[in-house]
């Protein structure tokens, strides 16, 4: 059984995707779509620090809406258009509070919107 997660506090997806998917088998697994620094009003957070925090807040909201918590995160992938590994590590620690999921950091030429600096996707299981 699969359940879509699209928090009501987010603007509607602009194409055919969900913010997260819960798949029930022997355990539950949540796959979180790439989250970016878009605020609930649809505007993009400005600057690396603001986008990093908004992106993590959005990631954690999907996690919570699906009934998961930080300790359930098993994988995160961050894509960024600027060198920001230290900032990513520091901010990840703030939001995951000591939990250490598998993590991948990728610097890319661009993201879906030229205003986006950071995108984070992940998986959780419980």
N, C-alpha and C. Protein backbone atom coordinates (compact mmCIF):
# COMPACT_ATOMS: atom_id res chain seq x y z
N UNK A 1 0.85 -1.18 0.00
CA UNK A 1 0.00 0.00 0.00
C UNK A 1 0.89 1.24 0.00
N UNK A 2 0.55 2.21 -0.82
CA UNK A 2 1.31 3.44 -0.92
C UNK A 2 0.40 4.62 -0.62
N UNK A 3 0.94 5.59 0.12
CA UNK A 3 0.17 6.77 0.51
C UNK A 3 0.97 8.02 0.16
N UNK A 4 0.32 8.98 -0.54
CA UNK A 4 0.98 10.23 -0.90
C UNK A 4 0.97 11.19 0.28
N UNK A 5 2.05 11.97 0.41
CA UNK A 5 2.15 13.00 1.44
C UNK A 5 2.34 14.34 0.75
N UNK A 6 1.35 15.21 0.86
CA UNK A 6 1.41 16.57 0.33
C UNK A 6 0.84 17.50 1.40
N UNK A 7 1.72 18.05 2.27
CA UNK A 7 1.25 18.87 3.38
C UNK A 7 0.36 20.03 2.92
N UNK A 8 -0.71 20.26 3.64
CA UNK A 8 -1.64 21.33 3.29
C UNK A 8 -1.01 22.71 3.47
N UNK A 9 0.07 22.81 4.22
CA UNK A 9 0.74 24.10 4.42
C UNK A 9 1.65 24.46 3.26
N UNK A 10 1.81 23.58 2.28
CA UNK A 10 2.65 23.83 1.11
C UNK A 10 1.79 24.31 -0.05
N UNK A 11 2.37 25.08 -0.98
CA UNK A 11 1.63 25.35 -2.22
C UNK A 11 1.48 24.04 -2.99
N UNK A 12 0.44 23.90 -3.81
CA UNK A 12 0.26 22.65 -4.55
C UNK A 12 1.45 22.37 -5.47
N UNK A 13 1.79 21.09 -5.66
CA UNK A 13 2.87 20.75 -6.59
C UNK A 13 2.56 21.32 -7.97
N UNK A 14 3.60 21.78 -8.68
CA UNK A 14 3.41 22.38 -9.99
C UNK A 14 3.44 21.37 -11.12
N UNK A 15 3.70 20.11 -10.80
CA UNK A 15 3.63 19.05 -11.79
C UNK A 15 3.22 17.77 -11.07
N UNK A 16 3.28 16.65 -11.76
CA UNK A 16 2.78 15.38 -11.21
C UNK A 16 3.80 14.73 -10.29
N UNK A 17 3.82 15.14 -9.03
CA UNK A 17 4.68 14.52 -8.02
C UNK A 17 4.09 14.75 -6.64
N UNK A 18 4.58 14.00 -5.69
CA UNK A 18 4.18 14.15 -4.29
C UNK A 18 5.38 14.61 -3.49
N UNK A 19 5.14 15.32 -2.40
CA UNK A 19 6.23 15.72 -1.52
C UNK A 19 6.85 14.50 -0.85
N UNK A 20 6.07 13.47 -0.68
CA UNK A 20 6.58 12.23 -0.10
C UNK A 20 5.64 11.08 -0.41
N UNK A 21 6.15 9.88 -0.31
CA UNK A 21 5.35 8.67 -0.51
C UNK A 21 5.66 7.71 0.64
N UNK A 22 4.62 7.15 1.23
CA UNK A 22 4.79 6.13 2.26
C UNK A 22 4.42 4.80 1.62
N UNK A 23 5.31 3.84 1.73
CA UNK A 23 5.06 2.50 1.20
C UNK A 23 5.06 1.53 2.36
N UNK A 24 3.95 0.86 2.57
CA UNK A 24 3.84 -0.10 3.67
C UNK A 24 4.17 -1.50 3.18
N UNK A 25 5.08 -2.11 3.86
CA UNK A 25 5.42 -3.51 3.62
C UNK A 25 5.61 -4.09 5.02
N UNK A 26 6.69 -4.81 5.25
CA UNK A 26 6.99 -5.30 6.59
C UNK A 26 7.23 -4.11 7.52
N UNK A 27 7.71 -3.01 6.94
CA UNK A 27 7.88 -1.77 7.67
C UNK A 27 7.41 -0.65 6.75
N UNK A 28 7.37 0.57 7.27
CA UNK A 28 7.01 1.70 6.42
C UNK A 28 8.26 2.39 5.94
N UNK A 29 8.23 2.79 4.68
CA UNK A 29 9.35 3.51 4.06
C UNK A 29 8.78 4.78 3.44
N UNK A 30 9.39 5.90 3.72
CA UNK A 30 9.00 7.19 3.17
C UNK A 30 10.09 7.67 2.23
N UNK A 31 9.72 8.00 1.00
CA UNK A 31 10.64 8.59 0.04
C UNK A 31 10.23 10.05 -0.11
N UNK A 32 11.15 10.97 0.19
CA UNK A 32 10.84 12.39 0.19
C UNK A 32 11.39 13.02 -1.09
N UNK A 33 10.49 13.62 -1.87
CA UNK A 33 10.89 14.33 -3.08
C UNK A 33 11.85 15.45 -2.74
N UNK A 34 12.60 15.90 -3.72
CA UNK A 34 13.52 17.01 -3.52
C UNK A 34 12.80 18.23 -2.96
N UNK A 35 13.21 18.67 -1.80
CA UNK A 35 12.63 19.85 -1.16
C UNK A 35 13.55 21.04 -1.43
N UNK A 36 12.94 22.19 -1.67
CA UNK A 36 13.69 23.41 -1.93
C UNK A 36 13.23 24.49 -0.96
N UNK A 37 13.86 25.64 -1.02
CA UNK A 37 13.59 26.72 -0.08
C UNK A 37 12.37 27.55 -0.41
N UNK A 38 11.24 26.90 -0.70
CA UNK A 38 10.00 27.61 -1.00
C UNK A 38 9.17 27.71 0.28
N UNK A 39 8.77 28.93 0.60
CA UNK A 39 7.97 29.18 1.80
C UNK A 39 6.50 28.83 1.53
N UNK A 40 5.69 28.79 2.58
CA UNK A 40 4.28 28.43 2.43
C UNK A 40 3.51 29.40 1.54
N UNK A 41 4.00 30.63 1.39
CA UNK A 41 3.33 31.59 0.50
C UNK A 41 3.80 31.45 -0.95
N UNK A 42 4.69 30.49 -1.21
CA UNK A 42 5.17 30.25 -2.57
C UNK A 42 6.43 31.02 -2.95
N UNK A 43 6.88 31.92 -2.07
CA UNK A 43 8.10 32.68 -2.37
C UNK A 43 9.33 31.84 -2.03
N UNK A 44 10.44 32.20 -2.66
CA UNK A 44 11.70 31.49 -2.43
C UNK A 44 12.52 32.23 -1.38
N UNK A 45 12.98 31.52 -0.37
CA UNK A 45 13.86 32.12 0.65
C UNK A 45 15.11 32.65 -0.04
N UNK A 46 15.59 33.79 0.41
CA UNK A 46 16.73 34.44 -0.23
C UNK A 46 18.03 34.18 0.52
N UNK A 47 19.07 33.80 -0.20
CA UNK A 47 20.38 33.56 0.38
C UNK A 47 20.57 32.12 0.80
N UNK A 48 21.82 31.69 0.85
CA UNK A 48 22.15 30.30 1.16
C UNK A 48 21.62 29.87 2.53
N UNK A 49 21.89 30.64 3.57
CA UNK A 49 21.47 30.25 4.91
C UNK A 49 19.95 30.13 5.01
N UNK A 50 19.24 31.12 4.50
CA UNK A 50 17.77 31.10 4.56
C UNK A 50 17.21 29.93 3.76
N UNK A 51 17.78 29.66 2.58
CA UNK A 51 17.29 28.54 1.78
C UNK A 51 17.61 27.20 2.43
N UNK A 52 18.78 27.10 3.02
CA UNK A 52 19.15 25.84 3.68
C UNK A 52 18.16 25.54 4.80
N UNK A 53 17.84 26.55 5.61
CA UNK A 53 16.90 26.34 6.72
C UNK A 53 15.48 26.07 6.21
N UNK A 54 15.02 26.82 5.22
CA UNK A 54 13.67 26.60 4.69
C UNK A 54 13.57 25.21 4.06
N UNK A 55 14.61 24.80 3.37
CA UNK A 55 14.62 23.48 2.74
C UNK A 55 14.53 22.39 3.80
N UNK A 56 15.33 22.51 4.87
CA UNK A 56 15.26 21.52 5.95
C UNK A 56 13.90 21.57 6.65
N UNK A 57 13.33 22.76 6.84
CA UNK A 57 12.01 22.85 7.46
C UNK A 57 10.97 22.12 6.61
N UNK A 58 11.05 22.30 5.29
CA UNK A 58 10.12 21.61 4.40
C UNK A 58 10.32 20.10 4.46
N UNK A 59 11.57 19.67 4.47
CA UNK A 59 11.91 18.25 4.57
C UNK A 59 11.32 17.66 5.85
N UNK A 60 11.51 18.35 6.97
CA UNK A 60 11.02 17.87 8.26
C UNK A 60 9.49 17.89 8.33
N UNK A 61 8.85 18.81 7.62
CA UNK A 61 7.39 18.86 7.58
C UNK A 61 6.84 17.63 6.87
N UNK A 62 7.43 17.27 5.73
CA UNK A 62 7.00 16.06 5.03
C UNK A 62 7.19 14.85 5.94
N UNK A 63 8.33 14.78 6.60
CA UNK A 63 8.63 13.68 7.52
C UNK A 63 7.54 13.58 8.60
N UNK A 64 7.23 14.70 9.23
CA UNK A 64 6.24 14.74 10.30
C UNK A 64 4.83 14.39 9.80
N UNK A 65 4.45 14.96 8.65
CA UNK A 65 3.11 14.70 8.10
C UNK A 65 2.91 13.21 7.83
N UNK A 66 4.00 12.50 7.53
CA UNK A 66 3.92 11.07 7.25
C UNK A 66 4.00 10.23 8.52
N UNK A 67 4.17 10.89 9.68
CA UNK A 67 4.26 10.16 10.95
C UNK A 67 5.65 9.66 11.27
N UNK A 68 6.66 10.28 10.68
CA UNK A 68 8.05 9.91 10.92
C UNK A 68 8.74 11.02 11.71
N UNK A 69 9.93 10.72 12.22
CA UNK A 69 10.72 11.69 12.97
C UNK A 69 12.17 11.62 12.49
N UNK A 70 13.00 12.52 13.00
CA UNK A 70 14.40 12.60 12.57
C UNK A 70 15.12 11.26 12.67
N UNK A 71 14.82 10.49 13.72
CA UNK A 71 15.54 9.23 13.90
C UNK A 71 15.18 8.18 12.85
N UNK A 72 14.14 8.44 12.06
CA UNK A 72 13.75 7.49 11.02
C UNK A 72 14.43 7.78 9.68
N UNK A 73 15.09 8.93 9.55
CA UNK A 73 15.74 9.28 8.28
C UNK A 73 16.91 8.34 8.06
N UNK A 74 16.92 7.69 6.89
CA UNK A 74 18.00 6.74 6.58
C UNK A 74 18.89 7.23 5.45
N UNK A 75 18.45 8.24 4.68
CA UNK A 75 19.24 8.71 3.55
C UNK A 75 18.85 10.14 3.22
N UNK A 76 19.82 11.00 3.01
CA UNK A 76 19.58 12.34 2.48
C UNK A 76 20.58 12.60 1.36
N UNK A 77 20.10 13.31 0.36
CA UNK A 77 20.96 13.77 -0.73
C UNK A 77 20.74 15.26 -0.86
N UNK A 78 21.82 16.02 -0.84
CA UNK A 78 21.72 17.46 -1.03
C UNK A 78 22.36 17.82 -2.35
N UNK A 79 21.65 18.67 -3.09
CA UNK A 79 22.16 19.23 -4.33
C UNK A 79 22.30 20.73 -4.09
N UNK A 80 23.41 21.31 -4.48
CA UNK A 80 23.60 22.74 -4.29
C UNK A 80 24.34 23.32 -5.49
N UNK A 81 24.05 24.58 -5.77
CA UNK A 81 24.71 25.25 -6.89
C UNK A 81 25.94 26.03 -6.45
N UNK A 82 26.21 26.03 -5.15
CA UNK A 82 27.39 26.73 -4.62
C UNK A 82 28.12 25.80 -3.66
N UNK A 83 29.43 25.97 -3.51
CA UNK A 83 30.14 25.15 -2.52
C UNK A 83 29.62 25.48 -1.12
N UNK A 84 29.05 24.47 -0.44
CA UNK A 84 28.43 24.74 0.86
C UNK A 84 28.46 23.53 1.77
N UNK A 85 29.47 22.68 1.64
CA UNK A 85 29.51 21.44 2.42
C UNK A 85 29.48 21.69 3.92
N UNK A 86 30.28 22.62 4.40
CA UNK A 86 30.29 22.90 5.85
C UNK A 86 28.94 23.39 6.34
N UNK A 87 28.30 24.29 5.57
CA UNK A 87 26.98 24.80 5.94
C UNK A 87 25.95 23.66 5.95
N UNK A 88 26.04 22.77 4.97
CA UNK A 88 25.12 21.63 4.90
C UNK A 88 25.28 20.77 6.14
N UNK A 89 26.49 20.44 6.49
CA UNK A 89 26.73 19.58 7.65
C UNK A 89 26.21 20.21 8.94
N UNK A 90 26.47 21.50 9.11
CA UNK A 90 26.04 22.21 10.31
C UNK A 90 24.50 22.26 10.39
N UNK A 91 23.87 22.59 9.28
CA UNK A 91 22.41 22.70 9.26
C UNK A 91 21.75 21.34 9.40
N UNK A 92 22.32 20.32 8.76
CA UNK A 92 21.78 18.96 8.89
C UNK A 92 21.79 18.54 10.36
N UNK A 93 22.87 18.85 11.06
CA UNK A 93 22.98 18.51 12.49
C UNK A 93 21.88 19.20 13.30
N UNK A 94 21.57 20.46 12.96
CA UNK A 94 20.51 21.18 13.67
C UNK A 94 19.17 20.46 13.54
N UNK A 95 18.87 19.98 12.36
CA UNK A 95 17.55 19.39 12.11
C UNK A 95 17.48 17.90 12.43
N UNK A 96 18.57 17.18 12.28
CA UNK A 96 18.54 15.74 12.55
C UNK A 96 19.07 15.40 13.94
N UNK A 97 19.53 16.39 14.67
CA UNK A 97 19.88 16.28 16.09
C UNK A 97 20.69 15.03 16.45
N UNK A 98 21.78 14.84 15.74
CA UNK A 98 22.67 13.75 16.10
C UNK A 98 22.44 12.46 15.34
N UNK A 99 21.31 12.32 14.66
CA UNK A 99 21.09 11.12 13.86
C UNK A 99 21.95 11.22 12.61
N UNK A 100 22.49 10.11 12.18
CA UNK A 100 23.46 10.12 11.09
C UNK A 100 23.02 9.20 9.95
N UNK A 101 22.10 9.68 9.12
CA UNK A 101 21.68 8.87 7.98
C UNK A 101 22.77 8.83 6.92
N UNK A 102 22.62 7.91 5.98
CA UNK A 102 23.48 7.95 4.80
C UNK A 102 23.26 9.31 4.15
N UNK A 103 24.33 9.90 3.62
CA UNK A 103 24.20 11.24 3.05
C UNK A 103 25.08 11.38 1.82
N UNK A 104 24.56 12.10 0.85
CA UNK A 104 25.29 12.41 -0.37
C UNK A 104 25.19 13.90 -0.61
N UNK A 105 26.31 14.51 -0.98
CA UNK A 105 26.38 15.95 -1.26
C UNK A 105 26.83 16.10 -2.71
N UNK A 106 26.07 16.83 -3.51
CA UNK A 106 26.39 16.99 -4.93
C UNK A 106 26.32 18.46 -5.31
N UNK A 107 27.40 18.99 -5.87
CA UNK A 107 27.36 20.35 -6.39
C UNK A 107 26.99 20.26 -7.87
N UNK A 108 25.96 21.03 -8.26
CA UNK A 108 25.42 20.96 -9.61
C UNK A 108 25.47 22.34 -10.28
N UNK A 109 25.34 22.35 -11.60
CA UNK A 109 25.35 23.60 -12.35
C UNK A 109 24.07 24.40 -12.13
N UNK A 110 22.96 23.73 -11.90
CA UNK A 110 21.70 24.42 -11.70
C UNK A 110 20.63 23.48 -11.19
N UNK A 111 19.56 24.08 -10.67
CA UNK A 111 18.40 23.32 -10.19
C UNK A 111 17.18 23.73 -11.03
N UNK A 112 16.01 23.24 -10.71
CA UNK A 112 14.81 23.45 -11.52
C UNK A 112 14.44 24.92 -11.72
N UNK A 113 14.76 25.76 -10.76
CA UNK A 113 14.49 27.19 -10.83
C UNK A 113 15.82 27.89 -10.56
N UNK A 114 16.20 28.88 -11.37
CA UNK A 114 17.49 29.54 -11.15
C UNK A 114 17.62 30.22 -9.79
N UNK A 115 16.50 30.45 -9.09
CA UNK A 115 16.56 31.04 -7.74
C UNK A 115 16.89 30.01 -6.67
N UNK A 116 16.77 28.73 -6.99
CA UNK A 116 17.07 27.68 -6.02
C UNK A 116 18.57 27.49 -5.89
N UNK A 117 19.05 27.43 -4.66
CA UNK A 117 20.46 27.20 -4.36
C UNK A 117 20.65 25.79 -3.80
N UNK A 118 19.63 25.28 -3.11
CA UNK A 118 19.72 24.01 -2.39
C UNK A 118 18.48 23.17 -2.66
N UNK A 119 18.68 21.86 -2.79
CA UNK A 119 17.58 20.91 -2.86
C UNK A 119 17.98 19.67 -2.06
N UNK A 120 17.07 19.18 -1.24
CA UNK A 120 17.36 18.01 -0.41
C UNK A 120 16.26 16.97 -0.61
N UNK A 121 16.68 15.74 -0.90
CA UNK A 121 15.75 14.62 -0.98
C UNK A 121 16.19 13.57 0.02
N UNK A 122 15.30 12.66 0.35
CA UNK A 122 15.70 11.65 1.32
C UNK A 122 14.74 10.50 1.44
N UNK A 123 15.10 9.60 2.35
CA UNK A 123 14.29 8.43 2.65
C UNK A 123 14.27 8.22 4.16
N UNK A 124 13.15 7.69 4.62
CA UNK A 124 13.02 7.35 6.04
C UNK A 124 12.32 6.00 6.12
N UNK A 125 12.56 5.29 7.20
CA UNK A 125 11.93 3.99 7.40
C UNK A 125 11.71 3.76 8.89
N UNK A 126 10.63 3.04 9.20
CA UNK A 126 10.36 2.67 10.60
C UNK A 126 9.60 1.37 10.64
